[in-house]
Amino acid sequence: MTVSIKDVARAAGVSPATVSRALGGGKVSPELRAQVEDAVRRTGYRPNLSARRLRSQDSQTIGLIVADISNPFFTAVARAVEDEAYKAGLRVILCNTDENPQKEAMYLQLMEEERVTGVIFAPTRATVDRMARRKPNFPIVLIDRADMAGGQDAVVLDNAAAAAMLVEHLYAQGYRRITALFGNASTTGIERHAGFAAAMQRLGLAPESRFVAPSIEAAEAETVSLFRQGQPPEAVIASNGLLLMGVVRGLRALHKRIPEDLAVAGFDNESWTELAGPGLTVIEQPVTEIGRTAMRLLLERLDAPDAPVRKVVLGGRCVVRGSTRAHAAMAG
């Protein structure tokens, strides 16, 4: 039976990250290093040669490539990744792509030139497709966006279930004409749209949706346009934090009230969402768990490069606030 780094950690009474740090030349006390080395001898563990080669060629560095570091979702995930990387004796190179496939290609090339140990990445659909045809020469763990072909380890939210949760909440509150805005650059928007459309159809409602650029400005303009059509919706769902902020800005520009003129729900429980209007109903994502899990998958992939690809799907939580107050109560 193959001995893994987890077996060594168990024998040494330490975490797998500590074992990785000790074997990779990271900062650990002499006592801990001796403890790990003794466990290696007792278990007969043979460090994976590919992982050792990768580690010896770099400076104990990983890449973290995100779509928009100004998006609080990615800020929180980056903090969790950096915390776990530090524990493992690894440094982090952070890159911001603005959902631009050209920038993504440039930063992936940089990671190759820097000989990083591995990369945690939130890519666009175009780059996911490109990686399916030609895999980089280092392990990658996807966050927030999944590889539809299942070629890369990934940590994602159950996007379809989360979107359905918002639809079902709005329906229970008496809303029937519901429009949703989705980002047009990532697989996340596709998955959330699928969950939204399925839930609307299940409830006998017409699924009205629009795909827009993943920016505050695009969502603001789209929100204004909703009120220029014949019959505006009763409620709107925004599929990420930036789009949600754009919806709020659009309503403010029109001097519309939440939820009297339009009920609002969305994704990402950022601090401002509690303060906007009567408070916004949102799906809270387990951002810290996403970052920690991505780092764990990367370390385990280094230890076992040929292991089956894994996709970890996490659940979200619906935080209900005044922006989706019952429709009947307002009418009364």
Protein backbone atom coordinates (compact mmCIF):
# COMPACT_ATOMS: atom_id res chain seq x y z
CA MET A 1 0.00 0.00 0.00
CA THR A 2 1.30 3.45 -0.94
CA VAL A 3 2.18 5.62 2.04
CA SER A 4 0.95 9.21 1.70
CA ILE A 5 1.91 12.45 3.35
CA LYS A 6 -1.24 12.11 5.50
CA ASP A 7 0.12 8.83 6.91
CA VAL A 8 3.39 10.55 7.81
CA ALA A 9 1.47 13.41 9.45
CA ARG A 10 -0.56 10.95 11.49
CA ALA A 11 2.57 9.09 12.61
CA ALA A 12 4.33 12.34 13.51
CA GLY A 13 1.30 13.84 15.25
CA VAL A 14 1.38 16.96 13.07
CA SER A 15 -0.60 18.36 10.12
CA PRO A 16 0.10 17.43 6.47
CA ALA A 17 1.07 21.08 5.89
CA THR A 18 3.77 20.77 8.57
CA VAL A 19 5.10 17.63 6.91
CA SER A 20 5.19 19.41 3.53
CA ARG A 21 7.01 22.35 5.09
CA ALA A 22 9.55 20.14 6.83
CA LEU A 23 10.28 18.00 3.77
CA GLY A 24 10.34 21.00 1.44
CA GLY A 25 12.89 22.97 3.44
CA GLY A 26 10.38 25.36 4.97
CA LYS A 27 10.60 26.98 8.38
CA VAL A 28 10.04 24.47 11.17
CA SER A 29 11.77 23.95 14.50
CA PRO A 30 14.61 21.39 14.69
CA GLU A 31 12.43 19.29 17.00
CA LEU A 32 9.53 19.21 14.53
CA ARG A 33 11.84 18.43 11.63
CA ALA A 34 13.35 15.50 13.56
CA GLN A 35 9.82 14.35 14.46
CA VAL A 36 8.77 14.37 10.80
CA GLU A 37 11.96 12.66 9.61
CA ASP A 38 11.49 9.93 12.19
CA ALA A 39 7.90 9.40 10.98
CA VAL A 40 9.17 9.18 7.40
CA ARG A 41 11.58 6.40 8.39
CA ARG A 42 8.94 4.53 10.38
CA THR A 43 6.29 4.66 7.66
CA GLY A 44 8.64 4.08 4.75
CA TYR A 45 7.30 7.16 3.00
CA ARG A 46 8.95 8.06 -0.29
CA PRO A 47 8.31 11.71 -1.25
CA ASN A 48 6.88 12.01 -4.74
CA LEU A 49 9.72 12.72 -7.13
CA SER A 50 7.61 15.02 -9.30
CA ALA A 51 6.59 17.11 -6.31
CA ARG A 52 10.18 17.24 -5.06
CA ARG A 53 11.39 18.28 -8.50
CA LEU A 54 8.82 21.07 -8.66
CA ARG A 55 9.74 22.27 -5.19
CA SER A 56 13.47 22.19 -5.89
CA GLN A 57 13.05 24.29 -9.03
CA ASP A 58 11.09 27.08 -7.37
CA SER A 59 11.40 29.26 -4.31
CA GLN A 60 8.51 27.60 -2.47
CA THR A 61 6.05 29.86 -4.32
CA ILE A 62 2.50 29.41 -5.61
CA GLY A 63 0.51 31.62 -7.95
CA LEU A 64 -2.94 32.99 -7.11
CA ILE A 65 -4.67 34.35 -10.21
CA VAL A 66 -8.05 36.01 -9.59
CA ALA A 67 -10.54 37.83 -11.77
CA ASP A 68 -10.82 41.06 -9.78
CA ILE A 69 -9.02 41.67 -6.50
CA SER A 70 -11.28 44.69 -5.86
CA ASN A 71 -14.18 42.22 -5.59
CA PRO A 72 -14.45 41.45 -1.85
CA PHE A 73 -15.15 37.79 -2.65
CA PHE A 74 -11.69 37.37 -4.15
CA THR A 75 -10.10 39.52 -1.46
CA ALA A 76 -11.43 37.17 1.22
CA VAL A 77 -10.44 34.04 -0.70
CA ALA A 78 -6.94 35.46 -1.25
CA ARG A 79 -6.54 36.06 2.47
CA ALA A 80 -7.47 32.45 3.25
CA VAL A 81 -5.10 31.10 0.59
CA GLU A 82 -2.22 33.24 1.87
CA ASP A 83 -2.82 32.14 5.46
CA GLU A 84 -2.69 28.46 4.49
CA ALA A 85 0.28 28.94 2.17
CA TYR A 86 2.24 30.62 4.96
CA LYS A 87 1.54 27.67 7.26
CA ALA A 88 2.94 25.37 4.56
CA GLY A 89 6.09 27.48 4.13
CA LEU A 90 5.00 28.77 0.73
CA ARG A 91 4.93 32.30 -0.67
CA VAL A 92 2.17 33.68 -2.91
CA ILE A 93 2.34 35.65 -6.17
CA LEU A 94 -1.00 37.44 -6.66
CA CYS A 95 -2.21 38.40 -10.15
CA ASN A 96 -5.38 40.22 -11.22
CA THR A 97 -6.85 39.50 -14.67
CA ASP A 98 -9.99 41.66 -15.00
CA GLU A 99 -11.69 38.65 -16.68
CA ASN A 100 -9.32 39.21 -19.64
CA PRO A 101 -8.16 35.98 -21.38
CA GLN A 102 -5.06 37.75 -22.72
CA LYS A 103 -4.00 38.76 -19.21
CA GLU A 104 -4.72 35.24 -18.01
CA ALA A 105 -2.43 33.81 -20.69
CA MET A 106 0.27 36.31 -19.76
CA TYR A 107 0.12 35.41 -16.08
CA LEU A 108 0.11 31.67 -16.76
CA GLN A 109 3.26 32.22 -18.81
CA LEU A 110 4.73 34.18 -15.89
CA MET A 111 3.99 31.25 -13.58
CA GLU A 112 5.92 28.94 -15.91
CA GLU A 113 8.85 31.35 -16.03
CA GLU A 114 8.84 31.66 -12.23
CA ARG A 115 8.69 27.85 -11.91
CA VAL A 116 5.96 28.03 -9.31
CA THR A 117 4.98 24.95 -7.35
CA GLY A 118 1.35 25.31 -8.45
CA VAL A 119 -1.44 27.78 -9.12
CA ILE A 120 -4.87 28.57 -7.64
CA PHE A 121 -6.89 30.17 -10.42
CA ALA A 122 -10.31 31.76 -11.13
CA PRO A 123 -10.35 31.69 -14.97
CA THR A 124 -12.70 32.85 -17.70
CA ARG A 125 -14.53 30.29 -19.83
CA ALA A 126 -12.15 30.96 -22.73
CA THR A 127 -9.10 30.09 -20.66
CA VAL A 128 -10.74 26.99 -19.16
CA ASP A 129 -11.34 25.75 -22.72
CA ARG A 130 -7.75 26.53 -23.69
CA MET A 131 -6.35 24.67 -20.67
CA ALA A 132 -8.43 21.63 -21.60
CA ARG A 133 -6.50 21.48 -24.89
CA ARG A 134 -3.07 22.20 -23.40
CA LYS A 135 -2.45 21.72 -19.70
CA PRO A 136 0.21 23.88 -18.01
CA ASN A 137 3.24 22.06 -16.60
CA PHE A 138 2.24 22.75 -13.00
CA PRO A 139 -0.82 21.67 -10.99
CA ILE A 140 -3.81 24.02 -10.96
CA VAL A 141 -6.75 24.21 -8.59
CA LEU A 142 -9.71 26.21 -9.89
CA ILE A 143 -11.76 28.36 -7.53
CA ASP A 144 -15.24 29.80 -8.11
CA ARG A 145 -15.20 28.48 -11.69
CA ALA A 146 -15.14 24.81 -12.67
CA ASP A 147 -13.69 23.02 -15.67
CA MET A 148 -16.80 21.57 -17.35
CA ALA A 149 -14.69 18.72 -18.74
CA GLY A 150 -13.44 17.87 -15.24
CA GLY A 151 -9.77 18.17 -16.11
CA GLN A 152 -8.68 20.26 -13.10
CA ASP A 153 -9.21 20.08 -9.36
CA ALA A 154 -11.78 22.69 -8.34
CA VAL A 155 -13.51 24.25 -5.33
CA VAL A 156 -16.87 25.82 -6.17
CA LEU A 157 -20.18 26.86 -4.71
CA ASP A 158 -23.25 24.81 -5.60
CA ASN A 159 -24.23 27.63 -7.92
CA ALA A 160 -27.41 26.14 -9.33
CA ALA A 161 -28.80 25.33 -5.88
CA ALA A 162 -27.90 28.79 -4.57
CA ALA A 163 -29.65 30.57 -7.44
CA ALA A 164 -32.70 28.35 -6.99
CA MET A 165 -32.72 29.23 -3.29
CA LEU A 166 -33.13 32.92 -4.14
CA VAL A 167 -35.91 32.23 -6.65
CA GLU A 168 -37.81 30.09 -4.14
CA HIS A 169 -37.42 32.76 -1.43
CA LEU A 170 -38.77 35.50 -3.72
CA TYR A 171 -41.66 33.28 -4.79
CA ALA A 172 -42.56 32.59 -1.16
CA GLN A 173 -42.55 36.36 -0.57
CA GLY A 174 -45.14 36.85 -3.30
CA TYR A 175 -42.95 37.94 -6.23
CA ARG A 176 -43.71 36.53 -9.67
CA ARG A 177 -42.06 38.76 -12.29
CA ILE A 178 -38.40 38.07 -11.51
CA THR A 179 -35.45 39.09 -13.71
CA ALA A 180 -31.86 37.99 -13.11
CA LEU A 181 -28.53 39.48 -14.22
CA PHE A 182 -25.59 37.14 -14.84
CA GLY A 183 -21.92 37.78 -15.60
CA ASN A 184 -21.08 36.86 -19.20
CA ALA A 185 -17.43 35.82 -18.76
CA SER A 186 -17.34 32.83 -16.41
CA THR A 187 -18.81 29.37 -15.92
CA THR A 188 -20.26 30.66 -12.63
CA GLY A 189 -22.79 32.79 -14.50
CA ILE A 190 -23.81 29.80 -16.63
CA GLU A 191 -24.33 27.56 -13.60
CA ARG A 192 -26.31 30.18 -11.68
CA HIS A 193 -28.43 30.88 -14.74
CA ALA A 194 -29.21 27.16 -15.05
CA GLY A 195 -30.35 27.03 -11.43
CA PHE A 196 -32.42 30.20 -11.83
CA ALA A 197 -34.12 29.02 -15.03
CA ALA A 198 -34.90 25.56 -13.63
CA ALA A 199 -36.41 26.99 -10.45
CA MET A 200 -38.53 29.54 -12.35
CA GLN A 201 -39.88 26.87 -14.70
CA ARG A 202 -40.57 24.53 -11.78
CA LEU A 203 -42.70 27.25 -10.19
CA GLY A 204 -44.51 27.99 -13.44
CA LEU A 205 -42.82 31.36 -14.00
CA ALA A 206 -41.20 32.78 -17.13
CA PRO A 207 -37.40 33.00 -16.58
CA GLU A 208 -36.36 36.50 -17.66
CA SER A 209 -32.56 36.89 -17.62
CA ARG A 210 -29.79 39.01 -19.07
CA PHE A 211 -26.05 38.34 -19.40
CA VAL A 212 -23.90 41.42 -18.89
CA ALA A 213 -20.25 42.34 -18.45
CA PRO A 214 -19.15 41.55 -14.86
CA SER A 215 -18.94 45.16 -13.72
CA ILE A 216 -20.82 47.65 -11.56
CA GLU A 217 -21.32 49.97 -14.52
CA ALA A 218 -22.86 47.29 -16.74
CA ALA A 219 -25.33 46.24 -14.05
CA GLU A 220 -26.25 49.86 -13.33
CA ALA A 221 -27.03 50.49 -17.00
CA GLU A 222 -29.03 47.27 -17.24
CA THR A 223 -31.06 48.17 -14.15
CA VAL A 224 -31.96 51.55 -15.62
CA SER A 225 -33.05 49.83 -18.83
CA LEU A 226 -35.42 47.54 -16.88
CA PHE A 227 -37.55 50.56 -16.00
CA ARG A 228 -37.61 51.82 -19.58
CA GLN A 229 -39.46 48.74 -20.80
CA GLY A 230 -43.23 48.35 -20.73
CA GLN A 231 -43.58 46.48 -17.46
CA PRO A 232 -40.54 46.35 -15.15
CA PRO A 233 -40.00 43.26 -13.01
CA GLU A 234 -41.12 43.03 -9.39
CA ALA A 235 -37.76 41.62 -8.29
CA VAL A 236 -34.21 41.27 -9.59
CA ILE A 237 -31.45 38.81 -8.74
CA ALA A 238 -27.80 39.80 -9.27
CA SER A 239 -25.42 36.87 -9.67
CA ASN A 240 -22.37 38.41 -7.97
CA GLY A 241 -21.38 41.23 -5.64
CA LEU A 242 -20.33 43.67 -8.37
CA LEU A 243 -23.59 43.24 -10.27
CA LEU A 244 -25.51 43.62 -7.02
CA MET A 245 -23.83 46.94 -6.33
CA GLY A 246 -24.62 48.05 -9.87
CA VAL A 247 -28.31 47.26 -9.34
CA VAL A 248 -28.39 49.37 -6.18
CA ARG A 249 -26.65 52.26 -7.95
CA GLY A 250 -29.09 52.06 -10.85
CA LEU A 251 -32.08 52.21 -8.52
CA ARG A 252 -30.57 55.15 -6.66
CA ALA A 253 -30.04 57.01 -9.96
CA LEU A 254 -33.71 56.44 -10.79
CA HIS A 255 -34.84 57.44 -7.27
CA LYS A 256 -36.48 54.03 -6.88
CA ARG A 257 -37.04 52.39 -3.49
CA ILE A 258 -36.05 48.91 -2.35
CA PRO A 259 -38.23 46.84 -2.17
CA GLU A 260 -41.28 49.05 -2.86
CA ASP A 261 -40.28 49.68 -6.50
CA LEU A 262 -38.06 46.64 -6.95
CA ALA A 263 -37.14 43.79 -4.62
CA VAL A 264 -33.41 42.98 -4.78
CA ALA A 265 -31.48 39.79 -4.00
CA GLY A 266 -28.01 38.65 -4.94
CA PHE A 267 -24.78 36.90 -4.13
CA ASP A 268 -21.96 37.62 -1.66
CA ASN A 269 -22.60 38.75 1.90
CA GLU A 270 -20.29 41.75 1.84
CA SER A 271 -20.37 44.28 4.66
CA TRP A 272 -22.05 46.99 2.57
CA THR A 273 -25.03 44.72 1.73
CA GLU A 274 -26.27 44.97 5.30
CA LEU A 275 -26.29 48.77 5.06
CA ALA A 276 -27.78 49.34 1.59
CA GLY A 277 -31.46 50.32 1.74
CA PRO A 278 -33.28 48.07 4.22
CA GLY A 279 -30.46 45.53 3.94
CA LEU A 280 -30.02 43.21 0.96
CA THR A 281 -30.98 39.55 0.86
CA VAL A 282 -27.93 37.60 -0.32
CA ILE A 283 -26.36 34.19 -0.70
CA GLU A 284 -23.41 34.02 1.67
CA GLN A 285 -20.53 32.01 0.22
CA PRO A 286 -18.07 30.14 2.50
CA VAL A 287 -15.16 32.24 1.23
CA THR A 288 -12.64 31.21 3.90
CA GLU A 289 -13.43 27.55 3.37
CA ILE A 290 -13.03 27.98 -0.40
CA GLY A 291 -9.50 29.39 0.03
CA ARG A 292 -8.44 26.82 2.61
CA THR A 293 -9.82 23.92 0.60
CA ALA A 294 -8.10 25.10 -2.58
CA MET A 295 -4.75 25.22 -0.78
CA ARG A 296 -5.30 21.75 0.68
CA LEU A 297 -6.14 20.32 -2.74
CA LEU A 298 -3.00 21.88 -4.21
CA LEU A 299 -0.74 20.38 -1.53
CA GLU A 300 -2.38 17.00 -1.94
CA ARG A 301 -2.04 17.21 -5.74
CA LEU A 302 1.69 17.83 -5.31
CA ASP A 303 1.89 14.74 -3.17
CA ALA A 304 -0.12 12.62 -5.63
CA PRO A 305 0.04 14.06 -9.19
CA ASP A 306 -1.73 11.07 -10.72
CA ALA A 307 -4.63 10.89 -8.27
CA PRO A 308 -8.17 11.31 -9.69
CA VAL A 309 -9.32 14.89 -10.26
CA ARG A 310 -11.52 16.21 -7.48
CA LYS A 311 -14.29 18.81 -7.47
CA VAL A 312 -15.33 20.05 -4.04
CA VAL A 313 -18.82 21.61 -4.06
CA LEU A 314 -19.73 23.77 -1.07
CA GLY A 315 -23.15 25.04 0.01
CA GLY A 316 -24.25 28.65 0.40
CA ARG A 317 -26.55 30.22 2.99
CA CYS A 318 -29.44 32.56 2.23
CA VAL A 319 -29.27 35.66 4.45
CA VAL A 320 -32.72 37.28 4.37
CA ARG A 321 -33.05 41.04 4.85
CA GLY A 322 -35.54 43.80 4.10
CA SER A 323 -34.86 44.07 0.35
CA THR A 324 -37.18 41.10 -0.24
CA ARG A 325 -39.91 42.00 2.19
CA ALA A 326 -43.20 40.23 1.44
CA HIS A 327 -44.90 41.64 -1.65
CA ALA A 328 -48.39 41.35 -0.15
CA ALA A 329 -47.32 43.24 2.96
CA MET A 330 -46.17 46.19 0.84
CA ALA A 331 -49.37 46.18 -1.16
CA GLY A 332 -51.29 46.38 2.09
